[in-house]
C-alpha atoms as a PDB file:
ATOM      1  CA  MET A   1     -58.035 233.180  84.046  1.00  0.00           C
ATOM      2  CA  ASN A   2     -57.645 231.316  80.728  1.00  0.00           C
ATOM      3  CA  LYS A   3     -54.800 228.985  80.122  1.00  0.00           C
ATOM      4  CA  ALA A   4     -52.981 231.929  78.209  1.00  0.00           C
ATOM      5  CA  GLN A   5     -52.953 234.597  81.104  1.00  0.00           C
ATOM      6  CA  ARG A   6     -52.154 232.030  83.273  1.00  0.00           C
ATOM      7  CA  ASN A   7     -48.858 230.907  81.505  1.00  0.00           C
ATOM      8  CA  ILE A   8     -48.186 234.607  80.715  1.00  0.00           C
ATOM      9  CA  HIS A   9     -47.879 235.393  84.532  1.00  0.00           C
ATOM     10  CA  ARG A  10     -45.766 232.492  85.095  1.00  0.00           C
ATOM     11  CA  ARG A  11     -43.249 233.749  82.723  1.00  0.00           C
ATOM     12  CA  SER A  12     -42.628 237.594  84.211  1.00  0.00           C
ATOM     13  CA  HIS A  13     -42.389 236.232  87.974  1.00  0.00           C
ATOM     14  CA  ALA A  14     -40.446 232.817  87.039  1.00  0.00           C
ATOM     15  CA  GLY A  15     -37.079 235.230  85.154  1.00  0.00           C
ATOM     16  CA  GLY A  16     -34.558 237.019  87.660  1.00  0.00           C
ATOM     17  CA  PHE A  17     -33.022 237.321  91.137  1.00  0.00           C
ATOM     18  CA  SER A  18     -34.481 238.524  93.765  1.00  0.00           C
ATOM     19  CA  LEU A  19     -32.876 241.121  95.688  1.00  0.00           C
ATOM     20  CA  ILE A  20     -31.859 238.929  98.643  1.00  0.00           C
ATOM     21  CA  GLU A  21     -30.193 236.427  96.030  1.00  0.00           C
ATOM     22  CA  MET A  22     -28.579 239.799  95.140  1.00  0.00           C
ATOM     23  CA  LEU A  23     -26.960 240.928  98.007  1.00  0.00           C
ATOM     24  CA  ALA A  24     -25.371 237.400  98.919  1.00  0.00           C
ATOM     25  CA  VAL A  25     -23.571 237.449  95.674  1.00  0.00           C
ATOM     26  CA  ILE A  26     -22.317 240.991  96.326  1.00  0.00           C
ATOM     27  CA  VAL A  27     -21.693 239.406 100.458  1.00  0.00           C
ATOM     28  CA  LEU A  28     -19.968 236.420  99.066  1.00  0.00           C
ATOM     29  CA  ILE A  29     -17.749 238.701  96.345  1.00  0.00           C
ATOM     30  CA  GLY A  30     -16.846 241.148  98.974  1.00  0.00           C
ATOM     31  CA  ILE A  31     -15.181 238.292 101.291  1.00  0.00           C
ATOM     32  CA  VAL A  32     -13.610 236.742  98.391  1.00  0.00           C
ATOM     33  CA  ALA A  33     -11.906 240.193  97.726  1.00  0.00           C
ATOM     34  CA  GLY A  34     -10.852 241.133 100.949  1.00  0.00           C
ATOM     35  CA  ILE A  35      -9.350 237.786 100.801  1.00  0.00           C
ATOM     36  CA  VAL A  36      -7.423 238.515  98.313  1.00  0.00           C
ATOM     37  CA  VAL A  37      -6.214 241.985  98.762  1.00  0.00           C
ATOM     38  CA  GLN A  38      -4.608 240.605 102.279  1.00  0.00           C
ATOM     39  CA  GLN A  39      -2.650 237.620 100.531  1.00  0.00           C
ATOM     40  CA  VAL A  40      -1.224 240.059  97.962  1.00  0.00           C
ATOM     41  CA  GLY A  41      -0.168 242.978 100.207  1.00  0.00           C
ATOM     42  CA  LYS A  42       1.733 239.901 102.379  1.00  0.00           C
ATOM     43  CA  ASN A  43       3.528 238.737  98.818  1.00  0.00           C
ATOM     44  CA  VAL A  44       4.541 242.129  98.492  1.00  0.00           C
ATOM     45  CA  ASP A  45       6.101 242.448 101.297  1.00  0.00           C
ATOM     46  CA  LYS A  46       7.580 239.632 101.157  1.00  0.00           C
ATOM     47  CA  GLY A  47       8.881 241.035  97.427  1.00  0.00           C
ATOM     48  CA  LYS A  48      10.170 243.971  99.062  1.00  0.00           C
ATOM     49  CA  TRP A  49      12.546 242.032 101.516  1.00  0.00           C
ATOM     50  CA  GLY A  50      13.580 239.945  99.655  1.00  0.00           C
ATOM     51  CA  ALA A  51      14.456 242.371  96.919  1.00  0.00           C
ATOM     52  CA  GLY A  52      16.588 244.554 100.691  1.00  0.00           C
ATOM     53  CA  LYS A  53      18.378 241.438 100.836  1.00  0.00           C
ATOM     54  CA  ALA A  54      19.112 241.292  97.663  1.00  0.00           C
ATOM     55  CA  ALA A  55      20.324 244.739  97.697  1.00  0.00           C
ATOM     56  CA  VAL A  56      22.673 244.147 100.713  1.00  0.00           C
ATOM     57  CA  GLY A  57      24.459 240.796  99.708  1.00  0.00           C
ATOM     58  CA  ARG A  58      25.347 242.921  96.611  1.00  0.00           C
ATOM     59  CA  LEU A  59      26.675 245.599  98.676  1.00  0.00           C
ATOM     60  CA  ALA A  60      28.737 242.959 100.577  1.00  0.00           C
ATOM     61  CA  GLY A  61      30.093 241.475  97.491  1.00  0.00           C
ATOM     62  CA  ASP A  62      31.046 245.215  95.640  1.00  0.00           C
ATOM     63  CA  ILE A  63      32.980 246.146  99.197  1.00  0.00           C
ATOM     64  CA  ASP A  64      34.805 242.699  98.564  1.00  0.00           C
ATOM     65  CA  ALA A  65      35.751 243.285  95.475  1.00  0.00           C
ATOM     66  CA  TYR A  66      37.136 246.421  96.120  1.00  0.00           C
ATOM     67  CA  ALA A  67      38.969 245.780  99.332  1.00  0.00           C
ATOM     68  CA  LEU A  68      40.665 243.146  96.720  1.00  0.00           C
ATOM     69  CA  ASP A  69      41.506 245.333  94.371  1.00  0.00           C
ATOM     70  CA  ASN A  70      42.481 248.375  96.213  1.00  0.00           C
ATOM     71  CA  GLY A  71      44.208 246.536  99.165  1.00  0.00           C
ATOM     72  CA  SER A  72      41.476 247.253 102.308  1.00  0.00           C
ATOM     73  CA  PRO A  73      37.822 248.154 101.874  1.00  0.00           C
ATOM     74  CA  PRO A  74      36.631 251.772 101.579  1.00  0.00           C
ATOM     75  CA  ALA A  75      36.717 254.191 104.668  1.00  0.00           C
ATOM     76  CA  ARG A  76      33.816 255.062 106.439  1.00  0.00           C
END
């Protein structure tokens, strides 16, 4: 094999990633994505709880305002 053939042979095997490297990256991306989805889900639940708590607080304030305007809270 002459020098030119050896250079061509080296270049053809030098670039790119192996299948194992690609699989490792895909697995790592999957793990990170799973962690992110869990954290986002927890934050969504916290946001819903906070919105519900705020709605109940507004309702309590509205009932108090009604009672002040009408002399008694609304009937059940």
